[in-house]
Amino acid sequence: MNRLIEIRSQELFCRERAALDSERRVFWLAQAEEWEQRALDEIAYHFRECNLAGAELAAA
């Protein structure tokens, strides 16, 4: 979960930069979108791991 916190922090940083840097706003918003997708991927990975571990325990 620490990784998710780091990813969300990067996303927030990019969104803040977008708000402050009007010349490169589109760039910073695109970067924020990439970090958001990484966060969603990390969440999905975590749930897959939890479900796999739960299935292994149930099978034993």
C-alpha atoms as a PDB file:
ATOM      1  CA  MET A   1       0.000   0.000   0.000  1.00  0.00           C
ATOM      2  CA  ASN A   2       2.965   2.331   0.440  1.00  0.00           C
ATOM      3  CA  ARG A   3       3.486   2.127  -3.302  1.00  0.00           C
ATOM      4  CA  LEU A   4      -0.079   3.308  -3.863  1.00  0.00           C
ATOM      5  CA  ILE A   5       0.534   6.293  -1.604  1.00  0.00           C
ATOM      6  CA  GLU A   6       3.642   7.209  -3.600  1.00  0.00           C
ATOM      7  CA  ILE A   7       1.776   6.878  -6.897  1.00  0.00           C
ATOM      8  CA  ARG A   8      -1.123   9.030  -5.698  1.00  0.00           C
ATOM      9  CA  SER A   9       1.375  11.627  -4.446  1.00  0.00           C
ATOM     10  CA  GLN A  10       2.898  11.835  -7.914  1.00  0.00           C
ATOM     11  CA  GLU A  11      -0.547  12.203  -9.442  1.00  0.00           C
ATOM     12  CA  LEU A  12      -1.373  15.029  -7.044  1.00  0.00           C
ATOM     13  CA  PHE A  13       1.943  16.742  -7.775  1.00  0.00           C
ATOM     14  CA  CYS A  14       1.184  16.674 -11.505  1.00  0.00           C
ATOM     15  CA  ARG A  15      -2.309  18.053 -10.999  1.00  0.00           C
ATOM     16  CA  GLU A  16      -0.937  20.862  -8.824  1.00  0.00           C
ATOM     17  CA  ARG A  17       1.660  21.697 -11.479  1.00  0.00           C
ATOM     18  CA  ALA A  18      -1.095  21.762 -14.104  1.00  0.00           C
ATOM     19  CA  ALA A  19      -2.964  24.309 -12.030  1.00  0.00           C
ATOM     20  CA  LEU A  20       0.125  26.518 -11.695  1.00  0.00           C
ATOM     21  CA  ASP A  21       1.777  26.105 -15.104  1.00  0.00           C
ATOM     22  CA  SER A  22      -0.687  27.290 -17.725  1.00  0.00           C
ATOM     23  CA  GLU A  23       1.813  26.923 -20.569  1.00  0.00           C
ATOM     24  CA  ARG A  24       2.351  23.213 -19.888  1.00  0.00           C
ATOM     25  CA  ARG A  25      -1.060  22.421 -18.405  1.00  0.00           C
ATOM     26  CA  VAL A  26      -1.866  19.761 -21.009  1.00  0.00           C
ATOM     27  CA  PHE A  27       1.462  18.021 -20.356  1.00  0.00           C
ATOM     28  CA  TRP A  28       0.962  17.948 -16.589  1.00  0.00           C
ATOM     29  CA  LEU A  29      -2.621  16.712 -16.903  1.00  0.00           C
ATOM     30  CA  ALA A  30      -1.447  13.914 -19.202  1.00  0.00           C
ATOM     31  CA  GLN A  31       1.185  12.964 -16.638  1.00  0.00           C
ATOM     32  CA  ALA A  32      -1.450  12.971 -13.899  1.00  0.00           C
ATOM     33  CA  GLU A  33      -3.627  10.653 -16.005  1.00  0.00           C
ATOM     34  CA  GLU A  34      -0.708   8.237 -16.371  1.00  0.00           C
ATOM     35  CA  TRP A  35      -0.151   8.216 -12.603  1.00  0.00           C
ATOM     36  CA  GLU A  36      -3.873   7.710 -12.038  1.00  0.00           C
ATOM     37  CA  GLN A  37      -3.814   4.664 -14.322  1.00  0.00           C
ATOM     38  CA  ARG A  38      -0.794   3.304 -12.449  1.00  0.00           C
ATOM     39  CA  ALA A  39      -2.726   3.682  -9.202  1.00  0.00           C
ATOM     40  CA  LEU A  40      -5.687   1.781 -10.629  1.00  0.00           C
ATOM     41  CA  ASP A  41      -3.330  -0.945 -11.859  1.00  0.00           C
ATOM     42  CA  GLU A  42      -1.749  -1.164  -8.416  1.00  0.00           C
ATOM     43  CA  ILE A  43      -5.159  -1.505  -6.759  1.00  0.00           C
ATOM     44  CA  ALA A  44      -6.183  -4.226  -9.215  1.00  0.00           C
ATOM     45  CA  TYR A  45      -2.908  -6.078  -8.601  1.00  0.00           C
ATOM     46  CA  HIS A  46      -3.451  -5.900  -4.835  1.00  0.00           C
ATOM     47  CA  PHE A  47      -6.973  -7.339  -5.097  1.00  0.00           C
ATOM     48  CA  ARG A  48      -5.808 -10.132  -7.417  1.00  0.00           C
ATOM     49  CA  GLU A  49      -3.109 -11.063  -4.901  1.00  0.00           C
ATOM     50  CA  CYS A  50      -5.594 -11.002  -2.015  1.00  0.00           C
ATOM     51  CA  ASN A  51      -8.109 -13.114  -3.915  1.00  0.00           C
ATOM     52  CA  LEU A  52      -5.430 -15.607  -4.924  1.00  0.00           C
ATOM     53  CA  ALA A  53      -4.232 -15.940  -1.325  1.00  0.00           C
ATOM     54  CA  GLY A  54      -7.828 -16.366  -0.136  1.00  0.00           C
ATOM     55  CA  ALA A  55      -8.496 -19.065  -2.727  1.00  0.00           C
ATOM     56  CA  GLU A  56      -5.355 -20.939  -1.696  1.00  0.00           C
ATOM     57  CA  LEU A  57      -6.397 -20.833   1.962  1.00  0.00           C
ATOM     58  CA  ALA A  58      -9.889 -22.044   1.111  1.00  0.00           C
ATOM     59  CA  ALA A  59      -8.483 -24.932  -0.933  1.00  0.00           C
ATOM     60  CA  ALA A  60      -6.245 -26.083   1.912  1.00  0.00           C
END
